[in-house]
Amino acid sequence: MSDLDVQQTTVAGVTVHKLPEVNDPRGSLSVGEFDRSVPFKVSRYFLVYGVPEDGVRGDHAHFRCHQFLIAAKGTIHVTADDGVNKEEFILDKANMGIHIPPMIWGSQFKYSSDAVLLVLASDYYDNKDYVASYEEFLAHIRSGAEGGGA
């Protein structure tokens, strides 16, 4: 697949990807290829679903981990914040994904009742990779610190 449709955003390193889609009378198929459509090696995935209408997920950054978010079903709003620029995105098509690189504050909210968020992650789970406080995130951004963990 060489028909990559990748759009830059105002948030440093965050890109929106329109994945190839095939439609025929049998239904639709969206495809992504690792190291092509998904711009990193995937080590794990997880699904987020059953989120209450007013629920917020994410609300953290990672020191090292990249994430690629796709609304496998339903609608999910995503904010990405680099400490200077913040942008909101709506994931509502299975052929649309957003790449959240390390040291970007990400939040997901306004989940529709049927929403299922597929997250592809570059790293295995490591609690030390999380920046869970927005104030700590801003302090790391201001200092130019990377890849530490507490």
C-alpha atoms as a PDB file:
ATOM      1  CA  MET A   1       0.000   0.000   0.000  1.00  0.00           C
ATOM      2  CA  SER A   2       1.605   3.218  -1.074  1.00  0.00           C
ATOM      3  CA  ASP A   3      -1.511   5.408  -1.011  1.00  0.00           C
ATOM      4  CA  LEU A   4      -0.816   6.890   2.405  1.00  0.00           C
ATOM      5  CA  ASP A   5      -2.874   9.969   3.235  1.00  0.00           C
ATOM      6  CA  VAL A   6      -1.128  11.540   6.238  1.00  0.00           C
ATOM      7  CA  GLN A   7      -1.935  15.025   7.477  1.00  0.00           C
ATOM      8  CA  GLN A   8       0.276  17.053   9.791  1.00  0.00           C
ATOM      9  CA  THR A   9      -1.415  18.851  12.686  1.00  0.00           C
ATOM     10  CA  THR A  10      -0.530  21.903  14.758  1.00  0.00           C
ATOM     11  CA  VAL A  11       0.620  19.600  17.583  1.00  0.00           C
ATOM     12  CA  ALA A  12       4.294  18.564  17.343  1.00  0.00           C
ATOM     13  CA  GLY A  13       4.642  15.105  15.786  1.00  0.00           C
ATOM     14  CA  VAL A  14       0.914  14.299  15.824  1.00  0.00           C
ATOM     15  CA  THR A  15      -0.398  13.092  12.473  1.00  0.00           C
ATOM     16  CA  VAL A  16      -3.821  12.024  11.230  1.00  0.00           C
ATOM     17  CA  HIS A  17      -3.853   9.026   8.887  1.00  0.00           C
ATOM     18  CA  LYS A  18      -6.598   8.135   6.440  1.00  0.00           C
ATOM     19  CA  LEU A  19      -6.184   4.409   5.971  1.00  0.00           C
ATOM     20  CA  PRO A  20      -6.991   2.677   2.691  1.00  0.00           C
ATOM     21  CA  GLU A  21     -10.591   1.523   2.413  1.00  0.00           C
ATOM     22  CA  VAL A  22     -12.179  -0.971   0.049  1.00  0.00           C
ATOM     23  CA  ASN A  23     -15.956  -0.926  -0.433  1.00  0.00           C
ATOM     24  CA  ASP A  24     -17.994  -3.486  -2.327  1.00  0.00           C
ATOM     25  CA  PRO A  25     -21.483  -5.041  -2.041  1.00  0.00           C
ATOM     26  CA  ARG A  26     -20.226  -7.389   0.698  1.00  0.00           C
ATOM     27  CA  GLY A  27     -19.232  -4.487   2.959  1.00  0.00           C
ATOM     28  CA  SER A  28     -16.234  -2.316   3.704  1.00  0.00           C
ATOM     29  CA  LEU A  29     -12.678  -3.147   4.679  1.00  0.00           C
ATOM     30  CA  SER A  30     -10.080  -0.776   6.087  1.00  0.00           C
ATOM     31  CA  VAL A  31      -6.450  -1.846   6.214  1.00  0.00           C
ATOM     32  CA  GLY A  32      -3.304  -0.599   7.898  1.00  0.00           C
ATOM     33  CA  GLU A  33       0.172  -2.023   7.488  1.00  0.00           C
ATOM     34  CA  PHE A  34       2.732  -1.927  10.272  1.00  0.00           C
ATOM     35  CA  ASP A  35       5.792   0.182   9.509  1.00  0.00           C
ATOM     36  CA  ARG A  36       3.821   1.786   6.648  1.00  0.00           C
ATOM     37  CA  SER A  37       0.395   3.066   7.760  1.00  0.00           C
ATOM     38  CA  VAL A  38       1.326   2.744  11.434  1.00  0.00           C
ATOM     39  CA  PRO A  39       4.632   4.612  11.755  1.00  0.00           C
ATOM     40  CA  PHE A  40       6.243   2.414  14.420  1.00  0.00           C
ATOM     41  CA  LYS A  41       6.723  -1.209  15.428  1.00  0.00           C
ATOM     42  CA  VAL A  42       3.670  -2.365  17.377  1.00  0.00           C
ATOM     43  CA  SER A  43       4.364  -4.310  20.578  1.00  0.00           C
ATOM     44  CA  ARG A  44       0.886  -4.368  22.083  1.00  0.00           C
ATOM     45  CA  TYR A  45      -2.691  -3.346  21.560  1.00  0.00           C
ATOM     46  CA  PHE A  46      -5.624  -2.666  23.811  1.00  0.00           C
ATOM     47  CA  LEU A  47      -9.304  -1.872  23.389  1.00  0.00           C
ATOM     48  CA  VAL A  48     -11.201   0.745  25.376  1.00  0.00           C
ATOM     49  CA  TYR A  49     -15.003   0.408  25.507  1.00  0.00           C
ATOM     50  CA  GLY A  50     -17.964   0.807  27.832  1.00  0.00           C
ATOM     51  CA  VAL A  51     -16.801   4.311  28.743  1.00  0.00           C
ATOM     52  CA  PRO A  52     -19.573   6.357  30.418  1.00  0.00           C
ATOM     53  CA  GLU A  53     -20.911   9.328  28.450  1.00  0.00           C
ATOM     54  CA  ASP A  54     -19.004  11.804  30.646  1.00  0.00           C
ATOM     55  CA  GLY A  55     -15.928   9.572  31.025  1.00  0.00           C
ATOM     56  CA  VAL A  56     -12.405  10.616  30.112  1.00  0.00           C
ATOM     57  CA  ARG A  57      -9.643   8.142  29.267  1.00  0.00           C
ATOM     58  CA  GLY A  58      -5.975   8.728  28.648  1.00  0.00           C
ATOM     59  CA  ASP A  59      -5.173  12.042  30.332  1.00  0.00           C
ATOM     60  CA  HIS A  60      -1.448  11.305  30.333  1.00  0.00           C
ATOM     61  CA  ALA A  61       1.693  11.362  28.215  1.00  0.00           C
ATOM     62  CA  HIS A  62       4.411   8.779  27.686  1.00  0.00           C
ATOM     63  CA  PHE A  63       8.161   9.275  27.852  1.00  0.00           C
ATOM     64  CA  ARG A  64       8.898   6.666  25.144  1.00  0.00           C
ATOM     65  CA  CYS A  65       5.726   4.957  23.931  1.00  0.00           C
ATOM     66  CA  HIS A  66       4.072   5.860  20.614  1.00  0.00           C
ATOM     67  CA  GLN A  67       0.337   5.216  20.234  1.00  0.00           C
ATOM     68  CA  PHE A  68      -1.919   4.921  17.192  1.00  0.00           C
ATOM     69  CA  LEU A  69      -5.642   5.364  17.915  1.00  0.00           C
ATOM     70  CA  ILE A  70      -8.501   4.091  15.743  1.00  0.00           C
ATOM     71  CA  ALA A  71     -12.226   4.201  16.522  1.00  0.00           C
ATOM     72  CA  ALA A  72     -13.047   0.619  15.592  1.00  0.00           C
ATOM     73  CA  LYS A  73     -16.681   1.485  16.288  1.00  0.00           C
ATOM     74  CA  GLY A  74     -18.597   4.608  17.242  1.00  0.00           C
ATOM     75  CA  THR A  75     -17.291   8.108  17.880  1.00  0.00           C
ATOM     76  CA  ILE A  76     -14.509   9.291  20.170  1.00  0.00           C
ATOM     77  CA  HIS A  77     -13.074  12.773  20.643  1.00  0.00           C
ATOM     78  CA  VAL A  78      -9.305  13.023  21.143  1.00  0.00           C
ATOM     79  CA  THR A  79      -7.176  15.949  22.264  1.00  0.00           C
ATOM     80  CA  ALA A  80      -3.435  16.081  21.690  1.00  0.00           C
ATOM     81  CA  ASP A  81      -1.346  18.700  23.478  1.00  0.00           C
ATOM     82  CA  ASP A  82       2.390  19.342  23.075  1.00  0.00           C
ATOM     83  CA  GLY A  83       2.528  21.952  25.848  1.00  0.00           C
ATOM     84  CA  VAL A  84       2.211  24.798  23.330  1.00  0.00           C
ATOM     85  CA  ASN A  85      -0.438  23.704  20.820  1.00  0.00           C
ATOM     86  CA  LYS A  86      -3.561  21.713  21.609  1.00  0.00           C
ATOM     87  CA  GLU A  87      -5.900  20.271  18.991  1.00  0.00           C
ATOM     88  CA  GLU A  88      -9.119  18.249  19.140  1.00  0.00           C
ATOM     89  CA  PHE A  89      -9.874  15.442  16.685  1.00  0.00           C
ATOM     90  CA  ILE A  90     -12.977  13.334  16.117  1.00  0.00           C
ATOM     91  CA  LEU A  91     -12.442   9.670  15.362  1.00  0.00           C
ATOM     92  CA  ASP A  92     -15.647   8.361  13.807  1.00  0.00           C
ATOM     93  CA  LYS A  93     -14.514   6.179  10.890  1.00  0.00           C
ATOM     94  CA  ALA A  94     -12.700   2.853  11.056  1.00  0.00           C
ATOM     95  CA  ASN A  95     -10.329   4.058   8.316  1.00  0.00           C
ATOM     96  CA  MET A  96      -9.026   7.038  10.290  1.00  0.00           C
ATOM     97  CA  GLY A  97      -6.210   6.902  12.840  1.00  0.00           C
ATOM     98  CA  ILE A  98      -4.154   9.358  14.848  1.00  0.00           C
ATOM     99  CA  HIS A  99      -0.497   8.931  15.781  1.00  0.00           C
ATOM    100  CA  ILE A 100       0.340  10.220  19.256  1.00  0.00           C
ATOM    101  CA  PRO A 101       4.142  10.259  19.709  1.00  0.00           C
ATOM    102  CA  PRO A 102       5.962  10.344  23.064  1.00  0.00           C
ATOM    103  CA  MET A 103       5.650  13.466  25.229  1.00  0.00           C
ATOM    104  CA  ILE A 104       2.267  14.468  23.862  1.00  0.00           C
ATOM    105  CA  TRP A 105      -0.534  14.807  26.414  1.00  0.00           C
ATOM    106  CA  GLY A 106      -3.491  12.807  25.126  1.00  0.00           C
ATOM    107  CA  SER A 107      -7.088  12.553  26.297  1.00  0.00           C
ATOM    108  CA  GLN A 108     -10.076  10.696  24.895  1.00  0.00           C
ATOM    109  CA  PHE A 109     -13.635  11.710  25.751  1.00  0.00           C
ATOM    110  CA  LYS A 110     -17.200  12.015  24.423  1.00  0.00           C
ATOM    111  CA  TYR A 111     -17.324   8.287  23.707  1.00  0.00           C
ATOM    112  CA  SER A 112     -20.553   7.312  21.957  1.00  0.00           C
ATOM    113  CA  SER A 113     -22.412   4.522  23.754  1.00  0.00           C
ATOM    114  CA  ASP A 114     -21.203   1.961  21.164  1.00  0.00           C
ATOM    115  CA  ALA A 115     -17.620   3.258  20.903  1.00  0.00           C
ATOM    116  CA  VAL A 116     -14.640   0.902  20.805  1.00  0.00           C
ATOM    117  CA  LEU A 117     -11.186   2.507  20.713  1.00  0.00           C
ATOM    118  CA  LEU A 118      -8.335   0.376  19.348  1.00  0.00           C
ATOM    119  CA  VAL A 119      -4.921   1.535  20.571  1.00  0.00           C
ATOM    120  CA  LEU A 120      -1.722   0.203  19.015  1.00  0.00           C
ATOM    121  CA  ALA A 121       1.324   0.850  21.229  1.00  0.00           C
ATOM    122  CA  SER A 122       5.030   0.733  20.430  1.00  0.00           C
ATOM    123  CA  ASP A 123       6.035  -0.569  23.863  1.00  0.00           C
ATOM    124  CA  TYR A 124       4.920  -3.147  26.373  1.00  0.00           C
ATOM    125  CA  TYR A 125       3.152  -1.756  29.428  1.00  0.00           C
ATOM    126  CA  ASP A 126       5.537   0.028  31.806  1.00  0.00           C
ATOM    127  CA  ASN A 127       4.087   2.156  34.587  1.00  0.00           C
ATOM    128  CA  LYS A 128       7.351   4.179  34.716  1.00  0.00           C
ATOM    129  CA  ASP A 129       6.738   5.384  31.135  1.00  0.00           C
ATOM    130  CA  TYR A 130       3.637   7.374  32.152  1.00  0.00           C
ATOM    131  CA  VAL A 131       3.522  11.090  32.901  1.00  0.00           C
ATOM    132  CA  ALA A 132       0.256  11.189  34.834  1.00  0.00           C
ATOM    133  CA  SER A 133       0.296  14.812  36.018  1.00  0.00           C
ATOM    134  CA  TYR A 134      -0.229  17.640  33.542  1.00  0.00           C
ATOM    135  CA  GLU A 135       1.963  19.907  35.683  1.00  0.00           C
ATOM    136  CA  GLU A 136       4.785  17.323  35.566  1.00  0.00           C
ATOM    137  CA  PHE A 137       4.291  17.046  31.794  1.00  0.00           C
ATOM    138  CA  LEU A 138       4.648  20.829  31.363  1.00  0.00           C
ATOM    139  CA  ALA A 139       7.735  20.858  33.592  1.00  0.00           C
ATOM    140  CA  HIS A 140       9.363  18.166  31.411  1.00  0.00           C
ATOM    141  CA  ILE A 141       8.459  20.091  28.259  1.00  0.00           C
ATOM    142  CA  ARG A 142       9.887  23.340  29.665  1.00  0.00           C
ATOM    143  CA  SER A 143      13.108  21.649  30.761  1.00  0.00           C
ATOM    144  CA  GLY A 144      13.475  19.698  27.517  1.00  0.00           C
ATOM    145  CA  ALA A 145      13.736  16.499  29.595  1.00  0.00           C
ATOM    146  CA  GLU A 146      12.911  13.234  27.863  1.00  0.00           C
ATOM    147  CA  GLY A 147      12.740   9.540  28.561  1.00  0.00           C
ATOM    148  CA  GLY A 148      13.108   9.565  32.324  1.00  0.00           C
ATOM    149  CA  GLY A 149      10.287   8.181  34.301  1.00  0.00           C
ATOM    150  CA  ALA A 150      10.150   8.683  38.025  1.00  0.00           C
END
